[in-house]
């Protein structure tokens, strides 16, 4: 029997063709680029309004957060009642990025295999570090979120590779997708679920079927799709 863990929802903004970025370089990003595109920018705020309704614990990846600029973000930081969970091995976050999360949310749980991560240099009651030796044990990590940190529900907003790892590990319960009315394309542009491709018929065990719970047409040709992962 698996250990108890939080109920999870993957919440993402995607193009019609499943892209969660506008290109294959870090300078390209939907948050920065969609407001520039006529026919897409008009309904974009609906995604951010739905984001405000997500869980009080949010899982992010260090790479994605570095890409959107948390390491260099200046100015006043508005405090929100969110517990941030960030997976960051390389590291992608620097000291300033870690401090941003500590100022922004109620707490930060950093998950890493990097024993020299900049977070190790910071002393804060609201900073907790889960360090794994060589590879993150996602089953253990998620069970500890519930047992050690009392997180019962978790919204996942990570990159395509981490999304894939969590999905194939059976750690995503629901999928909530806001579909923007745009086609992006690009073989190397990251998709909602990326990671390694399947290679054999035996690998089909990693495919996850979905049950549609509701589909809602939003304004300006946007859609909100909500699924339960059934296997």
C-alpha atoms as a PDB file:
ATOM      1  CA  UNK A   1       0.000   0.000   0.000  1.00  0.00           C
ATOM      2  CA  UNK A   2       1.287   3.422  -0.910  1.00  0.00           C
ATOM      3  CA  UNK A   3       1.898   5.961   1.808  1.00  0.00           C
ATOM      4  CA  UNK A   4      -0.609   8.815   2.097  1.00  0.00           C
ATOM      5  CA  UNK A   5       0.252  11.880   0.045  1.00  0.00           C
ATOM      6  CA  UNK A   6      -1.431  15.147  -0.999  1.00  0.00           C
ATOM      7  CA  UNK A   7      -4.201  15.195  -3.590  1.00  0.00           C
ATOM      8  CA  UNK A   8      -2.584  16.850  -6.594  1.00  0.00           C
ATOM      9  CA  UNK A   9      -3.729  18.925  -9.559  1.00  0.00           C
ATOM     10  CA  UNK A  10      -1.589  19.794 -12.554  1.00  0.00           C
ATOM     11  CA  UNK A  11      -2.612  23.348 -13.472  1.00  0.00           C
ATOM     12  CA  UNK A  12      -1.114  24.795 -16.643  1.00  0.00           C
ATOM     13  CA  UNK A  13      -1.611  27.282 -19.458  1.00  0.00           C
ATOM     14  CA  UNK A  14      -1.250  25.580 -22.838  1.00  0.00           C
ATOM     15  CA  UNK A  15      -1.619  26.287 -26.536  1.00  0.00           C
ATOM     16  CA  UNK A  16      -4.082  24.203 -28.572  1.00  0.00           C
ATOM     17  CA  UNK A  17      -1.155  22.018 -29.691  1.00  0.00           C
ATOM     18  CA  UNK A  18      -0.051  21.414 -26.105  1.00  0.00           C
ATOM     19  CA  UNK A  19       2.900  23.811 -25.898  1.00  0.00           C
ATOM     20  CA  UNK A  20       3.660  25.490 -22.574  1.00  0.00           C
ATOM     21  CA  UNK A  21       6.342  27.770 -23.995  1.00  0.00           C
ATOM     22  CA  UNK A  22       6.571  29.898 -27.112  1.00  0.00           C
ATOM     23  CA  UNK A  23       9.925  28.476 -28.230  1.00  0.00           C
ATOM     24  CA  UNK A  24      13.001  26.449 -27.372  1.00  0.00           C
ATOM     25  CA  UNK A  25      14.981  29.244 -25.663  1.00  0.00           C
ATOM     26  CA  UNK A  26      14.612  30.676 -22.172  1.00  0.00           C
ATOM     27  CA  UNK A  27      14.024  34.151 -23.600  1.00  0.00           C
ATOM     28  CA  UNK A  28      10.720  32.816 -24.960  1.00  0.00           C
ATOM     29  CA  UNK A  29       7.952  32.322 -22.407  1.00  0.00           C
ATOM     30  CA  UNK A  30       4.147  32.336 -22.503  1.00  0.00           C
ATOM     31  CA  UNK A  31       3.835  34.769 -19.572  1.00  0.00           C
ATOM     32  CA  UNK A  32       6.014  37.292 -21.383  1.00  0.00           C
ATOM     33  CA  UNK A  33       4.969  36.570 -24.953  1.00  0.00           C
ATOM     34  CA  UNK A  34       1.220  35.897 -24.924  1.00  0.00           C
ATOM     35  CA  UNK A  35       0.461  39.545 -23.937  1.00  0.00           C
ATOM     36  CA  UNK A  36       2.190  40.580 -27.179  1.00  0.00           C
ATOM     37  CA  UNK A  37       0.032  38.421 -29.478  1.00  0.00           C
ATOM     38  CA  UNK A  38      -3.234  39.813 -30.798  1.00  0.00           C
ATOM     39  CA  UNK A  39      -6.031  37.291 -30.416  1.00  0.00           C
ATOM     40  CA  UNK A  40      -4.317  35.691 -27.416  1.00  0.00           C
ATOM     41  CA  UNK A  41      -3.698  38.588 -25.030  1.00  0.00           C
ATOM     42  CA  UNK A  42      -7.370  39.555 -24.833  1.00  0.00           C
ATOM     43  CA  UNK A  43      -8.430  36.571 -22.713  1.00  0.00           C
ATOM     44  CA  UNK A  44      -5.195  35.858 -20.879  1.00  0.00           C
ATOM     45  CA  UNK A  45      -6.255  37.356 -17.548  1.00  0.00           C
ATOM     46  CA  UNK A  46      -8.771  34.516 -17.153  1.00  0.00           C
ATOM     47  CA  UNK A  47      -5.890  32.113 -16.569  1.00  0.00           C
ATOM     48  CA  UNK A  48      -4.470  34.271 -13.787  1.00  0.00           C
ATOM     49  CA  UNK A  49      -7.899  34.591 -12.180  1.00  0.00           C
ATOM     50  CA  UNK A  50      -8.242  30.800 -12.112  1.00  0.00           C
ATOM     51  CA  UNK A  51      -4.710  30.531 -10.736  1.00  0.00           C
ATOM     52  CA  UNK A  52      -5.821  32.489  -7.670  1.00  0.00           C
ATOM     53  CA  UNK A  53      -8.282  29.675  -6.897  1.00  0.00           C
ATOM     54  CA  UNK A  54      -5.666  26.908  -6.824  1.00  0.00           C
ATOM     55  CA  UNK A  55      -4.366  25.142  -3.709  1.00  0.00           C
ATOM     56  CA  UNK A  56      -2.521  26.867  -0.880  1.00  0.00           C
ATOM     57  CA  UNK A  57       0.555  24.736  -1.659  1.00  0.00           C
ATOM     58  CA  UNK A  58       2.261  25.059  -5.036  1.00  0.00           C
ATOM     59  CA  UNK A  59       4.925  22.826  -6.586  1.00  0.00           C
ATOM     60  CA  UNK A  60       7.346  24.541  -8.978  1.00  0.00           C
ATOM     61  CA  UNK A  61      10.656  23.713 -10.650  1.00  0.00           C
ATOM     62  CA  UNK A  62      13.750  25.838 -10.105  1.00  0.00           C
ATOM     63  CA  UNK A  63      14.472  25.917 -13.823  1.00  0.00           C
ATOM     64  CA  UNK A  64      11.019  27.285 -14.690  1.00  0.00           C
ATOM     65  CA  UNK A  65      11.171  29.872 -11.922  1.00  0.00           C
ATOM     66  CA  UNK A  66      14.639  31.015 -12.974  1.00  0.00           C
ATOM     67  CA  UNK A  67      13.355  31.324 -16.524  1.00  0.00           C
ATOM     68  CA  UNK A  68      10.606  33.737 -15.468  1.00  0.00           C
ATOM     69  CA  UNK A  69      13.105  35.850 -13.542  1.00  0.00           C
ATOM     70  CA  UNK A  70      12.809  35.185  -9.813  1.00  0.00           C
ATOM     71  CA  UNK A  71      16.607  35.395  -9.458  1.00  0.00           C
ATOM     72  CA  UNK A  72      16.616  39.018 -10.587  1.00  0.00           C
ATOM     73  CA  UNK A  73      13.184  40.241  -9.556  1.00  0.00           C
ATOM     74  CA  UNK A  74      13.278  43.603  -7.839  1.00  0.00           C
ATOM     75  CA  UNK A  75      10.819  46.008  -6.286  1.00  0.00           C
ATOM     76  CA  UNK A  76       8.245  45.354  -3.584  1.00  0.00           C
ATOM     77  CA  UNK A  77       7.091  41.741  -3.150  1.00  0.00           C
ATOM     78  CA  UNK A  78       3.446  41.108  -2.273  1.00  0.00           C
ATOM     79  CA  UNK A  79       3.030  38.396   0.357  1.00  0.00           C
ATOM     80  CA  UNK A  80       0.567  35.614  -0.457  1.00  0.00           C
ATOM     81  CA  UNK A  81      -0.740  32.757   1.679  1.00  0.00           C
ATOM     82  CA  UNK A  82       0.961  30.000  -0.285  1.00  0.00           C
ATOM     83  CA  UNK A  83       3.458  27.331   0.737  1.00  0.00           C
ATOM     84  CA  UNK A  84       5.956  26.952  -2.106  1.00  0.00           C
ATOM     85  CA  UNK A  85       7.577  23.619  -2.913  1.00  0.00           C
ATOM     86  CA  UNK A  86      10.469  23.936  -5.376  1.00  0.00           C
ATOM     87  CA  UNK A  87      12.453  21.112  -6.998  1.00  0.00           C
ATOM     88  CA  UNK A  88      15.895  22.439  -7.895  1.00  0.00           C
ATOM     89  CA  UNK A  89      18.953  20.256  -8.441  1.00  0.00           C
ATOM     90  CA  UNK A  90      21.360  22.148 -10.714  1.00  0.00           C
ATOM     91  CA  UNK A  91      20.854  24.700  -8.997  1.00  0.00           C
ATOM     92  CA  UNK A  92      18.852  27.103 -11.137  1.00  0.00           C
ATOM     93  CA  UNK A  93      17.927  29.335  -8.214  1.00  0.00           C
ATOM     94  CA  UNK A  94      20.487  31.590  -6.610  1.00  0.00           C
ATOM     95  CA  UNK A  95      20.370  33.123  -3.134  1.00  0.00           C
ATOM     96  CA  UNK A  96      18.236  36.012  -4.345  1.00  0.00           C
ATOM     97  CA  UNK A  97      15.749  33.617  -5.915  1.00  0.00           C
ATOM     98  CA  UNK A  98      15.416  31.671  -2.667  1.00  0.00           C
ATOM     99  CA  UNK A  99      14.916  34.900  -0.741  1.00  0.00           C
ATOM    100  CA  UNK A 100      12.182  35.888  -3.198  1.00  0.00           C
ATOM    101  CA  UNK A 101      10.188  32.774  -2.351  1.00  0.00           C
ATOM    102  CA  UNK A 102      10.679  33.329   1.375  1.00  0.00           C
ATOM    103  CA  UNK A 103       9.342  36.869   1.065  1.00  0.00           C
ATOM    104  CA  UNK A 104       6.560  35.907  -1.333  1.00  0.00           C
ATOM    105  CA  UNK A 105       4.993  32.922   0.445  1.00  0.00           C
ATOM    106  CA  UNK A 106       4.350  31.515   3.900  1.00  0.00           C
ATOM    107  CA  UNK A 107       7.117  28.951   3.583  1.00  0.00           C
ATOM    108  CA  UNK A 108       9.497  27.327   1.109  1.00  0.00           C
ATOM    109  CA  UNK A 109      10.216  23.613   0.928  1.00  0.00           C
ATOM    110  CA  UNK A 110      13.249  23.124  -1.296  1.00  0.00           C
ATOM    111  CA  UNK A 111      13.811  19.641  -2.741  1.00  0.00           C
ATOM    112  CA  UNK A 112      17.279  18.980  -4.141  1.00  0.00           C
ATOM    113  CA  UNK A 113      20.131  16.530  -4.662  1.00  0.00           C
ATOM    114  CA  UNK A 114      22.665  19.373  -4.617  1.00  0.00           C
ATOM    115  CA  UNK A 115      24.527  19.517  -1.298  1.00  0.00           C
ATOM    116  CA  UNK A 116      26.020  22.890  -2.297  1.00  0.00           C
ATOM    117  CA  UNK A 117      22.684  24.528  -3.105  1.00  0.00           C
ATOM    118  CA  UNK A 118      22.654  28.268  -2.181  1.00  0.00           C
ATOM    119  CA  UNK A 119      19.704  27.598   0.108  1.00  0.00           C
ATOM    120  CA  UNK A 120      22.075  25.754   2.446  1.00  0.00           C
ATOM    121  CA  UNK A 121      23.622  29.125   3.293  1.00  0.00           C
ATOM    122  CA  UNK A 122      20.362  30.662   4.458  1.00  0.00           C
ATOM    123  CA  UNK A 123      18.930  30.363   7.916  1.00  0.00           C
ATOM    124  CA  UNK A 124      15.184  30.851   8.067  1.00  0.00           C
ATOM    125  CA  UNK A 125      12.400  29.239  10.068  1.00  0.00           C
ATOM    126  CA  UNK A 126      10.222  29.283   6.938  1.00  0.00           C
ATOM    127  CA  UNK A 127      12.813  27.418   4.819  1.00  0.00           C
ATOM    128  CA  UNK A 128      12.825  23.620   4.885  1.00  0.00           C
ATOM    129  CA  UNK A 129      15.175  21.516   2.756  1.00  0.00           C
ATOM    130  CA  UNK A 130      14.607  17.938   1.638  1.00  0.00           C
ATOM    131  CA  UNK A 131      17.891  16.661   0.242  1.00  0.00           C
ATOM    132  CA  UNK A 132      18.253  13.360  -1.565  1.00  0.00           C
ATOM    133  CA  UNK A 133      21.571  11.707  -2.291  1.00  0.00           C
ATOM    134  CA  UNK A 134      21.658  11.101  -6.061  1.00  0.00           C
ATOM    135  CA  UNK A 135      18.080  11.013  -7.261  1.00  0.00           C
ATOM    136  CA  UNK A 136      14.872  12.429  -5.845  1.00  0.00           C
ATOM    137  CA  UNK A 137      12.537   9.716  -4.598  1.00  0.00           C
ATOM    138  CA  UNK A 138       9.239  11.292  -5.644  1.00  0.00           C
ATOM    139  CA  UNK A 139       7.084   8.787  -3.763  1.00  0.00           C
ATOM    140  CA  UNK A 140       8.957   9.527  -0.539  1.00  0.00           C
ATOM    141  CA  UNK A 141       9.002  13.263  -1.274  1.00  0.00           C
ATOM    142  CA  UNK A 142       5.230  13.427  -1.760  1.00  0.00           C
ATOM    143  CA  UNK A 143       4.493  11.308   1.312  1.00  0.00           C
ATOM    144  CA  UNK A 144       6.706  13.617   3.398  1.00  0.00           C
ATOM    145  CA  UNK A 145       4.797  16.655   2.153  1.00  0.00           C
ATOM    146  CA  UNK A 146       1.767  15.211   3.897  1.00  0.00           C
ATOM    147  CA  UNK A 147       3.367  13.578   6.941  1.00  0.00           C
ATOM    148  CA  UNK A 148       6.024  16.198   7.757  1.00  0.00           C
ATOM    149  CA  UNK A 149       4.492  19.410   6.420  1.00  0.00           C
ATOM    150  CA  UNK A 150       0.738  18.681   6.654  1.00  0.00           C
ATOM    151  CA  UNK A 151       0.122  19.500   2.990  1.00  0.00           C
ATOM    152  CA  UNK A 152      -3.145  17.840   1.974  1.00  0.00           C
ATOM    153  CA  UNK A 153      -3.649  19.392  -1.455  1.00  0.00           C
ATOM    154  CA  UNK A 154      -0.997  20.490  -3.920  1.00  0.00           C
ATOM    155  CA  UNK A 155      -1.112  22.369  -7.217  1.00  0.00           C
ATOM    156  CA  UNK A 156       1.631  21.378  -9.665  1.00  0.00           C
ATOM    157  CA  UNK A 157       2.970  24.056 -12.035  1.00  0.00           C
ATOM    158  CA  UNK A 158       6.265  22.719 -13.317  1.00  0.00           C
ATOM    159  CA  UNK A 159       8.001  22.166 -16.655  1.00  0.00           C
ATOM    160  CA  UNK A 160       7.291  19.409 -19.158  1.00  0.00           C
ATOM    161  CA  UNK A 161      10.016  17.022 -17.995  1.00  0.00           C
ATOM    162  CA  UNK A 162       9.067  17.171 -14.322  1.00  0.00           C
ATOM    163  CA  UNK A 163       5.374  16.966 -15.240  1.00  0.00           C
ATOM    164  CA  UNK A 164       6.173  13.746 -17.108  1.00  0.00           C
ATOM    165  CA  UNK A 165       8.121  12.272 -14.195  1.00  0.00           C
ATOM    166  CA  UNK A 166       5.278  12.968 -11.777  1.00  0.00           C
ATOM    167  CA  UNK A 167       2.597  11.680 -14.134  1.00  0.00           C
ATOM    168  CA  UNK A 168       4.437   8.423 -14.805  1.00  0.00           C
ATOM    169  CA  UNK A 169       5.048   7.975 -11.096  1.00  0.00           C
ATOM    170  CA  UNK A 170       1.280   8.119 -10.546  1.00  0.00           C
ATOM    171  CA  UNK A 171       1.479  11.338  -8.545  1.00  0.00           C
ATOM    172  CA  UNK A 172      -0.971  13.492 -10.508  1.00  0.00           C
ATOM    173  CA  UNK A 173      -4.660  13.080  -9.629  1.00  0.00           C
ATOM    174  CA  UNK A 174      -6.298  15.860 -11.631  1.00  0.00           C
ATOM    175  CA  UNK A 175      -5.380  17.959 -14.662  1.00  0.00           C
ATOM    176  CA  UNK A 176      -6.692  21.513 -15.007  1.00  0.00           C
ATOM    177  CA  UNK A 177      -5.720  23.100 -18.313  1.00  0.00           C
ATOM    178  CA  UNK A 178      -6.468  26.576 -19.620  1.00  0.00           C
ATOM    179  CA  UNK A 179      -6.174  26.337 -23.401  1.00  0.00           C
ATOM    180  CA  UNK A 180      -5.201  29.541 -25.197  1.00  0.00           C
ATOM    181  CA  UNK A 181      -6.471  30.030 -28.776  1.00  0.00           C
ATOM    182  CA  UNK A 182      -3.085  29.704 -30.437  1.00  0.00           C
ATOM    183  CA  UNK A 183      -0.935  27.186 -32.317  1.00  0.00           C
ATOM    184  CA  UNK A 184       2.799  27.403 -31.602  1.00  0.00           C
ATOM    185  CA  UNK A 185       4.458  24.315 -33.058  1.00  0.00           C
ATOM    186  CA  UNK A 186       8.124  23.461 -32.930  1.00  0.00           C
ATOM    187  CA  UNK A 187       9.650  20.025 -32.427  1.00  0.00           C
ATOM    188  CA  UNK A 188      11.855  21.290 -29.604  1.00  0.00           C
ATOM    189  CA  UNK A 189       9.307  23.580 -27.957  1.00  0.00           C
ATOM    190  CA  UNK A 190       8.382  22.064 -24.605  1.00  0.00           C
ATOM    191  CA  UNK A 191       4.973  20.436 -24.269  1.00  0.00           C
ATOM    192  CA  UNK A 192       2.684  19.942 -21.307  1.00  0.00           C
ATOM    193  CA  UNK A 193       4.116  16.452 -20.801  1.00  0.00           C
ATOM    194  CA  UNK A 194       7.655  16.084 -22.110  1.00  0.00           C
ATOM    195  CA  UNK A 195      10.360  13.772 -20.788  1.00  0.00           C
ATOM    196  CA  UNK A 196      11.600  10.666 -22.554  1.00  0.00           C
ATOM    197  CA  UNK A 197       9.437   9.252 -25.319  1.00  0.00           C
ATOM    198  CA  UNK A 198       7.938   5.777 -25.133  1.00  0.00           C
ATOM    199  CA  UNK A 199       9.957   3.196 -27.070  1.00  0.00           C
ATOM    200  CA  UNK A 200       8.133  -0.126 -26.918  1.00  0.00           C
ATOM    201  CA  UNK A 201       4.622  -1.549 -26.585  1.00  0.00           C
ATOM    202  CA  UNK A 202       5.528  -2.475 -23.022  1.00  0.00           C
ATOM    203  CA  UNK A 203       6.023   1.250 -22.314  1.00  0.00           C
ATOM    204  CA  UNK A 204       2.312   1.846 -22.893  1.00  0.00           C
ATOM    205  CA  UNK A 205       1.876   1.170 -19.175  1.00  0.00           C
ATOM    206  CA  UNK A 206       3.143   4.738 -18.746  1.00  0.00           C
ATOM    207  CA  UNK A 207       0.227   6.220 -20.688  1.00  0.00           C
ATOM    208  CA  UNK A 208      -2.355   7.830 -18.421  1.00  0.00           C
ATOM    209  CA  UNK A 209      -5.979   7.991 -19.536  1.00  0.00           C
ATOM    210  CA  UNK A 210      -8.174  10.877 -18.409  1.00  0.00           C
ATOM    211  CA  UNK A 211     -11.849  11.308 -17.560  1.00  0.00           C
ATOM    212  CA  UNK A 212     -13.277  14.701 -18.461  1.00  0.00           C
ATOM    213  CA  UNK A 213     -15.050  16.213 -15.461  1.00  0.00           C
ATOM    214  CA  UNK A 214     -15.959  19.456 -17.180  1.00  0.00           C
ATOM    215  CA  UNK A 215     -15.190  21.655 -20.154  1.00  0.00           C
ATOM    216  CA  UNK A 216     -15.981  25.353 -19.953  1.00  0.00           C
ATOM    217  CA  UNK A 217     -15.793  27.864 -22.757  1.00  0.00           C
ATOM    218  CA  UNK A 218     -14.214  31.079 -21.502  1.00  0.00           C
ATOM    219  CA  UNK A 219     -14.206  34.476 -23.141  1.00  0.00           C
ATOM    220  CA  UNK A 220     -12.089  35.304 -26.183  1.00  0.00           C
ATOM    221  CA  UNK A 221     -11.958  31.674 -27.415  1.00  0.00           C
ATOM    222  CA  UNK A 222     -10.206  30.283 -24.322  1.00  0.00           C
ATOM    223  CA  UNK A 223     -11.186  26.911 -22.823  1.00  0.00           C
ATOM    224  CA  UNK A 224     -10.875  25.471 -19.334  1.00  0.00           C
ATOM    225  CA  UNK A 225     -10.581  21.665 -19.281  1.00  0.00           C
ATOM    226  CA  UNK A 226     -10.668  19.670 -16.056  1.00  0.00           C
ATOM    227  CA  UNK A 227      -9.838  15.941 -15.964  1.00  0.00           C
ATOM    228  CA  UNK A 228      -9.399  13.162 -13.456  1.00  0.00           C
ATOM    229  CA  UNK A 229      -6.426  10.879 -14.082  1.00  0.00           C
ATOM    230  CA  UNK A 230      -8.108   7.463 -14.016  1.00  0.00           C
ATOM    231  CA  UNK A 231      -5.156   5.082 -14.107  1.00  0.00           C
END
